[in-house]
């Protein structure tokens, strides 16, 4: 492992729990912004007017929540580097 990788890994180990807390504390804000962006995307897709209308905002929100949970787990669980 070179010095650059060693420094990066050390900084990550020091900051990972703070980053997880940061994401947790700002989850509502992230979800609000994400909902707005997904709604914009939904409004721009012309096929939505002609075919089955999938309400993308709740679906996207579920996916984002699962993604945030996965990130928090990654940041807070000890990694076994076997």
PDB file of N, CA and C in Angstrom:
ATOM      1  N   UNK A   1       0.859  -1.178   0.000  1.00  0.00           N
ATOM      2  CA  UNK A   1       0.000   0.000   0.000  1.00  0.00           C
ATOM      3  C   UNK A   1       0.899   1.232   0.000  1.00  0.00           C
ATOM      4  N   UNK A   2       0.647   2.141  -0.934  1.00  0.00           N
ATOM      5  CA  UNK A   2       1.467   3.347  -0.990  1.00  0.00           C
ATOM      6  C   UNK A   2       0.980   4.375   0.030  1.00  0.00           C
ATOM      7  N   UNK A   3       1.737   5.424   0.206  1.00  0.00           N
ATOM      8  CA  UNK A   3       1.447   6.426   1.234  1.00  0.00           C
ATOM      9  C   UNK A   3       0.102   7.119   0.975  1.00  0.00           C
ATOM     10  N   UNK A   4      -0.181   7.360  -0.291  1.00  0.00           N
ATOM     11  CA  UNK A   4      -1.443   8.019  -0.641  1.00  0.00           C
ATOM     12  C   UNK A   4      -2.642   7.163  -0.210  1.00  0.00           C
ATOM     13  N   UNK A   5      -2.579   5.873  -0.491  1.00  0.00           N
ATOM     14  CA  UNK A   5      -3.662   4.961  -0.093  1.00  0.00           C
ATOM     15  C   UNK A   5      -3.763   4.871   1.418  1.00  0.00           C
ATOM     16  N   UNK A   6      -2.635   4.826   2.082  1.00  0.00           N
ATOM     17  CA  UNK A   6      -2.616   4.753   3.540  1.00  0.00           C
ATOM     18  C   UNK A   6      -3.268   5.984   4.161  1.00  0.00           C
ATOM     19  N   UNK A   7      -2.937   7.167   3.646  1.00  0.00           N
ATOM     20  CA  UNK A   7      -3.529   8.415   4.158  1.00  0.00           C
ATOM     21  C   UNK A   7      -5.034   8.414   3.902  1.00  0.00           C
ATOM     22  N   UNK A   8      -5.454   8.039   2.690  1.00  0.00           N
ATOM     23  CA  UNK A   8      -6.876   8.015   2.345  1.00  0.00           C
ATOM     24  C   UNK A   8      -7.638   7.058   3.254  1.00  0.00           C
ATOM     25  N   UNK A   9      -7.107   5.867   3.470  1.00  0.00           N
ATOM     26  CA  UNK A   9      -7.762   4.879   4.335  1.00  0.00           C
ATOM     27  C   UNK A   9      -7.835   5.367   5.780  1.00  0.00           C
ATOM     28  N   UNK A  10      -6.795   6.005   6.252  1.00  0.00           N
ATOM     29  CA  UNK A  10      -6.779   6.528   7.619  1.00  0.00           C
ATOM     30  C   UNK A  10      -7.826   7.623   7.789  1.00  0.00           C
ATOM     31  N   UNK A  11      -7.891   8.535   6.836  1.00  0.00           N
ATOM     32  CA  UNK A  11      -8.877   9.617   6.903  1.00  0.00           C
ATOM     33  C   UNK A  11     -10.295   9.040   6.847  1.00  0.00           C
ATOM     34  N   UNK A  12     -10.504   8.060   5.983  1.00  0.00           N
ATOM     35  CA  UNK A  12     -11.822   7.438   5.886  1.00  0.00           C
ATOM     36  C   UNK A  12     -12.217   6.796   7.208  1.00  0.00           C
ATOM     37  N   UNK A  13     -11.305   6.056   7.828  1.00  0.00           N
ATOM     38  CA  UNK A  13     -11.611   5.418   9.117  1.00  0.00           C
ATOM     39  C   UNK A  13     -11.952   6.453  10.181  1.00  0.00           C
ATOM     40  N   UNK A  14     -11.278   7.596  10.152  1.00  0.00           N
ATOM     41  CA  UNK A  14     -11.548   8.649  11.134  1.00  0.00           C
ATOM     42  C   UNK A  14     -12.878   9.356  10.878  1.00  0.00           C
ATOM     43  N   UNK A  15     -13.279   9.481   9.625  1.00  0.00           N
ATOM     44  CA  UNK A  15     -14.448  10.284   9.274  1.00  0.00           C
ATOM     45  C   UNK A  15     -15.721   9.482   9.025  1.00  0.00           C
ATOM     46  N   UNK A  16     -15.624   8.166   8.907  1.00  0.00           N
ATOM     47  CA  UNK A  16     -16.778   7.385   8.456  1.00  0.00           C
ATOM     48  C   UNK A  16     -17.996   7.502   9.367  1.00  0.00           C
ATOM     49  N   UNK A  17     -17.822   7.497  10.678  1.00  0.00           N
ATOM     50  CA  UNK A  17     -18.974   7.604  11.586  1.00  0.00           C
ATOM     51  C   UNK A  17     -19.582   9.012  11.535  1.00  0.00           C
ATOM     52  N   UNK A  18     -18.728  10.023  11.398  1.00  0.00           N
ATOM     53  CA  UNK A  18     -19.239  11.391  11.264  1.00  0.00           C
ATOM     54  C   UNK A  18     -20.018  11.554   9.961  1.00  0.00           C
ATOM     55  N   UNK A  19     -19.549  10.947   8.898  1.00  0.00           N
ATOM     56  CA  UNK A  19     -20.252  11.012   7.625  1.00  0.00           C
ATOM     57  C   UNK A  19     -21.604  10.305   7.715  1.00  0.00           C
ATOM     58  N   UNK A  20     -21.655   9.167   8.385  1.00  0.00           N
ATOM     59  CA  UNK A  20     -22.924   8.461   8.575  1.00  0.00           C
ATOM     60  C   UNK A  20     -23.900   9.324   9.368  1.00  0.00           C
ATOM     61  N   UNK A  21     -23.424   9.972  10.408  1.00  0.00           N
ATOM     62  CA  UNK A  21     -24.266  10.860  11.211  1.00  0.00           C
ATOM     63  C   UNK A  21     -24.738  12.056  10.387  1.00  0.00           C
ATOM     64  N   UNK A  22     -23.853  12.602   9.574  1.00  0.00           N
ATOM     65  CA  UNK A  22     -24.196  13.714   8.687  1.00  0.00           C
ATOM     66  C   UNK A  22     -25.344  13.321   7.759  1.00  0.00           C
ATOM     67  N   UNK A  23     -25.256  12.148   7.142  1.00  0.00           N
ATOM     68  CA  UNK A  23     -26.314  11.676   6.250  1.00  0.00           C
ATOM     69  C   UNK A  23     -27.623  11.461   7.004  1.00  0.00           C
ATOM     70  N   UNK A  24     -27.529  10.895   8.195  1.00  0.00           N
ATOM     71  CA  UNK A  24     -28.723  10.653   9.002  1.00  0.00           C
ATOM     72  C   UNK A  24     -29.402  11.965   9.391  1.00  0.00           C
ATOM     73  N   UNK A  25     -28.615  12.942   9.804  1.00  0.00           N
ATOM     74  CA  UNK A  25     -29.165  14.228  10.238  1.00  0.00           C
ATOM     75  C   UNK A  25     -29.798  15.005   9.088  1.00  0.00           C
ATOM     76  N   UNK A  26     -29.359  14.757   7.874  1.00  0.00           N
ATOM     77  CA  UNK A  26     -29.851  15.506   6.723  1.00  0.00           C
ATOM     78  C   UNK A  26     -30.739  14.678   5.793  1.00  0.00           C
ATOM     79  N   UNK A  27     -31.186  13.524   6.278  1.00  0.00           N
ATOM     80  CA  UNK A  27     -31.989  12.637   5.440  1.00  0.00           C
ATOM     81  C   UNK A  27     -33.264  13.318   4.943  1.00  0.00           C
ATOM     82  N   UNK A  28     -33.961  14.040   5.792  1.00  0.00           N
ATOM     83  CA  UNK A  28     -35.204  14.701   5.375  1.00  0.00           C
ATOM     84  C   UNK A  28     -34.943  15.707   4.255  1.00  0.00           C
ATOM     85  N   UNK A  29     -33.866  16.462   4.377  1.00  0.00           N
ATOM     86  CA  UNK A  29     -33.521  17.438   3.341  1.00  0.00           C
ATOM     87  C   UNK A  29     -33.145  16.735   2.034  1.00  0.00           C
ATOM     88  N   UNK A  30     -32.366  15.671   2.140  1.00  0.00           N
ATOM     89  CA  UNK A  30     -32.003  14.893   0.950  1.00  0.00           C
ATOM     90  C   UNK A  30     -33.241  14.318   0.272  1.00  0.00           C
ATOM     91  N   UNK A  31     -34.164  13.792   1.060  1.00  0.00           N
ATOM     92  CA  UNK A  31     -35.396  13.234   0.506  1.00  0.00           C
ATOM     93  C   UNK A  31     -36.244  14.305  -0.170  1.00  0.00           C
ATOM     94  N   UNK A  32     -36.322  15.472   0.422  1.00  0.00           N
ATOM     95  CA  UNK A  32     -37.098  16.561  -0.178  1.00  0.00           C
ATOM     96  C   UNK A  32     -36.531  16.945  -1.547  1.00  0.00           C
ATOM     97  N   UNK A  33     -35.230  17.124  -1.608  1.00  0.00           N
ATOM     98  CA  UNK A  33     -34.578  17.486  -2.873  1.00  0.00           C
ATOM     99  C   UNK A  33     -34.731  16.365  -3.889  1.00  0.00           C
ATOM    100  N   UNK A  34     -34.576  15.134  -3.440  1.00  0.00           N
ATOM    101  CA  UNK A  34     -34.713  13.988  -4.332  1.00  0.00           C
ATOM    102  C   UNK A  34     -36.129  13.899  -4.897  1.00  0.00           C
ATOM    103  N   UNK A  35     -37.145  14.096  -4.044  1.00  0.00           N
ATOM    104  CA  UNK A  35     -38.537  14.076  -4.511  1.00  0.00           C
ATOM    105  C   UNK A  35     -38.762  15.107  -5.608  1.00  0.00           C
ATOM    106  N   UNK A  36     -38.226  16.308  -5.407  1.00  0.00           N
ATOM    107  CA  UNK A  36     -38.384  17.363  -6.406  1.00  0.00           C
ATOM    108  C   UNK A  36     -37.737  16.972  -7.729  1.00  0.00           C
ATOM    109  N   UNK A  37     -36.544  16.412  -7.658  1.00  0.00           N
ATOM    110  CA  UNK A  37     -35.839  16.024  -8.879  1.00  0.00           C
ATOM    111  C   UNK A  37     -36.520  14.859  -9.590  1.00  0.00           C
ATOM    112  N   UNK A  38     -37.007  13.894  -8.846  1.00  0.00           N
ATOM    113  CA  UNK A  38     -37.714  12.764  -9.455  1.00  0.00           C
ATOM    114  C   UNK A  38     -39.024  13.250 -10.085  1.00  0.00           C
ATOM    115  N   UNK A  39     -39.713  14.184  -9.444  1.00  0.00           N
ATOM    116  CA  UNK A  39     -40.939  14.719 -10.022  1.00  0.00           C
ATOM    117  C   UNK A  39     -40.644  15.452 -11.325  1.00  0.00           C
ATOM    118  N   UNK A  40     -39.551  16.211 -11.360  1.00  0.00           N
ATOM    119  CA  UNK A  40     -39.148  16.876 -12.607  1.00  0.00           C
ATOM    120  C   UNK A  40     -38.900  15.844 -13.708  1.00  0.00           C
ATOM    121  N   UNK A  41     -38.203  14.782 -13.359  1.00  0.00           N
ATOM    122  CA  UNK A  41     -37.938  13.716 -14.318  1.00  0.00           C
ATOM    123  C   UNK A  41     -39.235  13.088 -14.797  1.00  0.00           C
ATOM    124  N   UNK A  42     -40.124  12.799 -13.884  1.00  0.00           N
ATOM    125  CA  UNK A  42     -41.416  12.206 -14.213  1.00  0.00           C
ATOM    126  C   UNK A  42     -42.209  13.115 -15.156  1.00  0.00           C
ATOM    127  N   UNK A  43     -42.154  14.406 -14.907  1.00  0.00           N
ATOM    128  CA  UNK A  43     -42.877  15.374 -15.747  1.00  0.00           C
ATOM    129  C   UNK A  43     -42.285  15.478 -17.150  1.00  0.00           C
ATOM    130  N   UNK A  44     -40.999  15.188 -17.302  1.00  0.00           N
ATOM    131  CA  UNK A  44     -40.338  15.307 -18.610  1.00  0.00           C
ATOM    132  C   UNK A  44     -40.487  14.065 -19.480  1.00  0.00           C
ATOM    133  N   UNK A  45     -40.940  12.960 -18.930  1.00  0.00           N
ATOM    134  CA  UNK A  45     -41.037  11.716 -19.696  1.00  0.00           C
ATOM    135  C   UNK A  45     -42.391  11.680 -20.402  1.00  0.00           C
ATOM    136  N   UNK A  46     -42.400  11.863 -21.733  1.00  0.00           N
ATOM    137  CA  UNK A  46     -43.677  11.919 -22.448  1.00  0.00           C
ATOM    138  C   UNK A  46     -44.433  10.588 -22.425  1.00  0.00           C
ATOM    139  N   UNK A  47     -43.739   9.494 -22.318  1.00  0.00           N
ATOM    140  CA  UNK A  47     -44.399   8.180 -22.290  1.00  0.00           C
ATOM    141  C   UNK A  47     -45.326   8.037 -21.090  1.00  0.00           C
ATOM    142  N   UNK A  48     -45.070   8.794 -20.068  1.00  0.00           N
ATOM    143  CA  UNK A  48     -45.910   8.735 -18.876  1.00  0.00           C
ATOM    144  C   UNK A  48     -47.354   9.138 -19.199  1.00  0.00           C
ATOM    145  N   UNK A  49     -47.543   9.935 -20.231  1.00  0.00           N
ATOM    146  CA  UNK A  49     -48.891  10.376 -20.609  1.00  0.00           C
ATOM    147  C   UNK A  49     -49.630   9.345 -21.453  1.00  0.00           C
ATOM    148  N   UNK A  50     -48.912   8.398 -22.039  1.00  0.00           N
ATOM    149  CA  UNK A  50     -49.525   7.465 -22.973  1.00  0.00           C
ATOM    150  C   UNK A  50     -49.651   6.044 -22.443  1.00  0.00           C
ATOM    151  N   UNK A  51     -48.833   5.693 -21.511  1.00  0.00           N
ATOM    152  CA  UNK A  51     -48.820   4.323 -21.008  1.00  0.00           C
ATOM    153  C   UNK A  51     -49.212   4.313 -19.531  1.00  0.00           C
ATOM    154  N   UNK A  52     -48.953   3.215 -18.894  1.00  0.00           N
ATOM    155  CA  UNK A  52     -49.246   3.113 -17.464  1.00  0.00           C
ATOM    156  C   UNK A  52     -48.439   4.171 -16.721  1.00  0.00           C
ATOM    157  N   UNK A  53     -49.134   4.952 -15.946  1.00  0.00           N
ATOM    158  CA  UNK A  53     -48.463   6.024 -15.202  1.00  0.00           C
ATOM    159  C   UNK A  53     -47.909   5.457 -13.901  1.00  0.00           C
ATOM    160  N   UNK A  54     -46.613   5.377 -13.835  1.00  0.00           N
ATOM    161  CA  UNK A  54     -45.953   4.926 -12.615  1.00  0.00           C
ATOM    162  C   UNK A  54     -45.614   6.164 -11.813  1.00  0.00           C
ATOM    163  N   UNK A  55     -46.101   6.215 -10.614  1.00  0.00           N
ATOM    164  CA  UNK A  55     -45.787   7.349  -9.756  1.00  0.00           C
ATOM    165  C   UNK A  55     -44.361   7.173  -9.255  1.00  0.00           C
ATOM    166  N   UNK A  56     -43.442   7.850  -9.927  1.00  0.00           N
ATOM    167  CA  UNK A  56     -42.018   7.631  -9.692  1.00  0.00           C
ATOM    168  C   UNK A  56     -41.528   8.196  -8.373  1.00  0.00           C
ATOM    169  N   UNK A  57     -42.199   9.209  -7.844  1.00  0.00           N
ATOM    170  CA  UNK A  57     -41.704   9.846  -6.617  1.00  0.00           C
ATOM    171  C   UNK A  57     -41.691   8.873  -5.441  1.00  0.00           C
ATOM    172  N   UNK A  58     -42.793   8.182  -5.116  1.00  0.00           N
ATOM    173  CA  UNK A  58     -42.727   7.238  -3.995  1.00  0.00           C
ATOM    174  C   UNK A  58     -41.749   6.079  -4.255  1.00  0.00           C
ATOM    175  N   UNK A  59     -41.710   5.603  -5.502  1.00  0.00           N
ATOM    176  CA  UNK A  59     -40.773   4.530  -5.837  1.00  0.00           C
ATOM    177  C   UNK A  59     -39.332   4.996  -5.672  1.00  0.00           C
ATOM    178  N   UNK A  60     -39.043   6.186  -6.193  1.00  0.00           N
ATOM    179  CA  UNK A  60     -37.697   6.744  -6.056  1.00  0.00           C
ATOM    180  C   UNK A  60     -37.320   6.988  -4.610  1.00  0.00           C
ATOM    181  N   UNK A  61     -38.294   7.429  -3.817  1.00  0.00           N
ATOM    182  CA  UNK A  61     -38.044   7.686  -2.400  1.00  0.00           C
ATOM    183  C   UNK A  61     -37.668   6.395  -1.667  1.00  0.00           C
ATOM    184  N   UNK A  62     -38.357   5.318  -1.975  1.00  0.00           N
ATOM    185  CA  UNK A  62     -38.017   4.027  -1.365  1.00  0.00           C
ATOM    186  C   UNK A  62     -36.605   3.598  -1.748  1.00  0.00           C
ATOM    187  N   UNK A  63     -36.253   3.814  -3.009  1.00  0.00           N
ATOM    188  CA  UNK A  63     -34.910   3.442  -3.471  1.00  0.00           C
ATOM    189  C   UNK A  63     -33.854   4.308  -2.789  1.00  0.00           C
ATOM    190  N   UNK A  64     -34.116   5.614  -2.671  1.00  0.00           N
ATOM    191  CA  UNK A  64     -33.155   6.492  -2.001  1.00  0.00           C
ATOM    192  C   UNK A  64     -32.996   6.118  -0.530  1.00  0.00           C
ATOM    193  N   UNK A  65     -34.108   5.835   0.157  1.00  0.00           N
ATOM    194  CA  UNK A  65     -34.024   5.444   1.566  1.00  0.00           C
ATOM    195  C   UNK A  65     -33.190   4.169   1.728  1.00  0.00           C
ATOM    196  N   UNK A  66     -33.393   3.205   0.844  1.00  0.00           N
ATOM    197  CA  UNK A  66     -32.599   1.973   0.902  1.00  0.00           C
ATOM    198  C   UNK A  66     -31.131   2.273   0.627  1.00  0.00           C
ATOM    199  N   UNK A  67     -30.875   3.175  -0.302  1.00  0.00           N
ATOM    200  CA  UNK A  67     -29.490   3.551  -0.618  1.00  0.00           C
ATOM    201  C   UNK A  67     -28.821   4.247   0.558  1.00  0.00           C
ATOM    202  N   UNK A  68     -29.552   5.165   1.200  1.00  0.00           N
ATOM    203  CA  UNK A  68     -28.997   5.855   2.367  1.00  0.00           C
ATOM    204  C   UNK A  68     -28.727   4.875   3.507  1.00  0.00           C
ATOM    205  N   UNK A  69     -29.638   3.917   3.696  1.00  0.00           N
ATOM    206  CA  UNK A  69     -29.431   2.906   4.734  1.00  0.00           C
ATOM    207  C   UNK A  69     -28.193   2.069   4.422  1.00  0.00           C
ATOM    208  N   UNK A  70     -28.031   1.714   3.155  1.00  0.00           N
ATOM    209  CA  UNK A  70     -26.847   0.939   2.756  1.00  0.00           C
ATOM    210  C   UNK A  70     -25.570   1.744   3.000  1.00  0.00           C
ATOM    211  N   UNK A  71     -25.594   3.031   2.686  1.00  0.00           N
ATOM    212  CA  UNK A  71     -24.420   3.877   2.936  1.00  0.00           C
ATOM    213  C   UNK A  71     -24.120   3.972   4.428  1.00  0.00           C
ATOM    214  N   UNK A  72     -25.171   4.166   5.232  1.00  0.00           N
ATOM    215  CA  UNK A  72     -24.952   4.244   6.689  1.00  0.00           C
ATOM    216  C   UNK A  72     -24.373   2.941   7.223  1.00  0.00           C
ATOM    217  N   UNK A  73     -24.902   1.809   6.754  1.00  0.00           N
ATOM    218  CA  UNK A  73     -24.359   0.511   7.189  1.00  0.00           C
ATOM    219  C   UNK A  73     -22.894   0.386   6.793  1.00  0.00           C
ATOM    220  N   UNK A  74     -22.591   0.768   5.555  1.00  0.00           N
ATOM    221  CA  UNK A  74     -21.211   0.708   5.087  1.00  0.00           C
ATOM    222  C   UNK A  74     -20.296   1.560   5.953  1.00  0.00           C
ATOM    223  N   UNK A  75     -20.783   2.725   6.342  1.00  0.00           N
ATOM    224  CA  UNK A  75     -19.960   3.653   7.109  1.00  0.00           C
ATOM    225  C   UNK A  75     -19.853   3.277   8.583  1.00  0.00           C
ATOM    226  N   UNK A  76     -20.826   2.552   9.121  1.00  0.00           N
ATOM    227  CA  UNK A  76     -20.817   2.288  10.560  1.00  0.00           C
ATOM    228  C   UNK A  76     -20.429   0.869  10.924  1.00  0.00           C
ATOM    229  N   UNK A  77     -20.596  -0.078  10.021  1.00  0.00           N
ATOM    230  CA  UNK A  77     -20.230  -1.454  10.349  1.00  0.00           C
ATOM    231  C   UNK A  77     -18.740  -1.665  10.097  1.00  0.00           C
ATOM    232  N   UNK A  78     -18.184  -2.457  10.945  1.00  0.00           N
ATOM    233  CA  UNK A  78     -16.776  -2.796  10.754  1.00  0.00           C
ATOM    234  C   UNK A  78     -16.646  -3.686   9.526  1.00  0.00           C
ATOM    235  N   UNK A  79     -15.694  -3.380   8.692  1.00  0.00           N
ATOM    236  CA  UNK A  79     -15.470  -4.130   7.475  1.00  0.00           C
ATOM    237  C   UNK A  79     -14.430  -5.213   7.739  1.00  0.00           C
ATOM    238  N   UNK A  80     -14.756  -6.419   7.331  1.00  0.00           N
ATOM    239  CA  UNK A  80     -13.825  -7.527   7.487  1.00  0.00           C
ATOM    240  C   UNK A  80     -13.097  -7.709   6.163  1.00  0.00           C
ATOM    241  N   UNK A  81     -11.851  -7.282   6.092  1.00  0.00           N
ATOM    242  CA  UNK A  81     -11.065  -7.384   4.865  1.00  0.00           C
ATOM    243  C   UNK A  81     -10.336  -8.705   4.799  1.00  0.00           C
ATOM    244  N   UNK A  82     -11.060  -9.730   4.419  1.00  0.00           N
ATOM    245  CA  UNK A  82     -10.426 -11.049   4.333  1.00  0.00           C
ATOM    246  C   UNK A  82      -9.843 -11.264   2.971  1.00  0.00           C
TER     247      UNK A  82
END
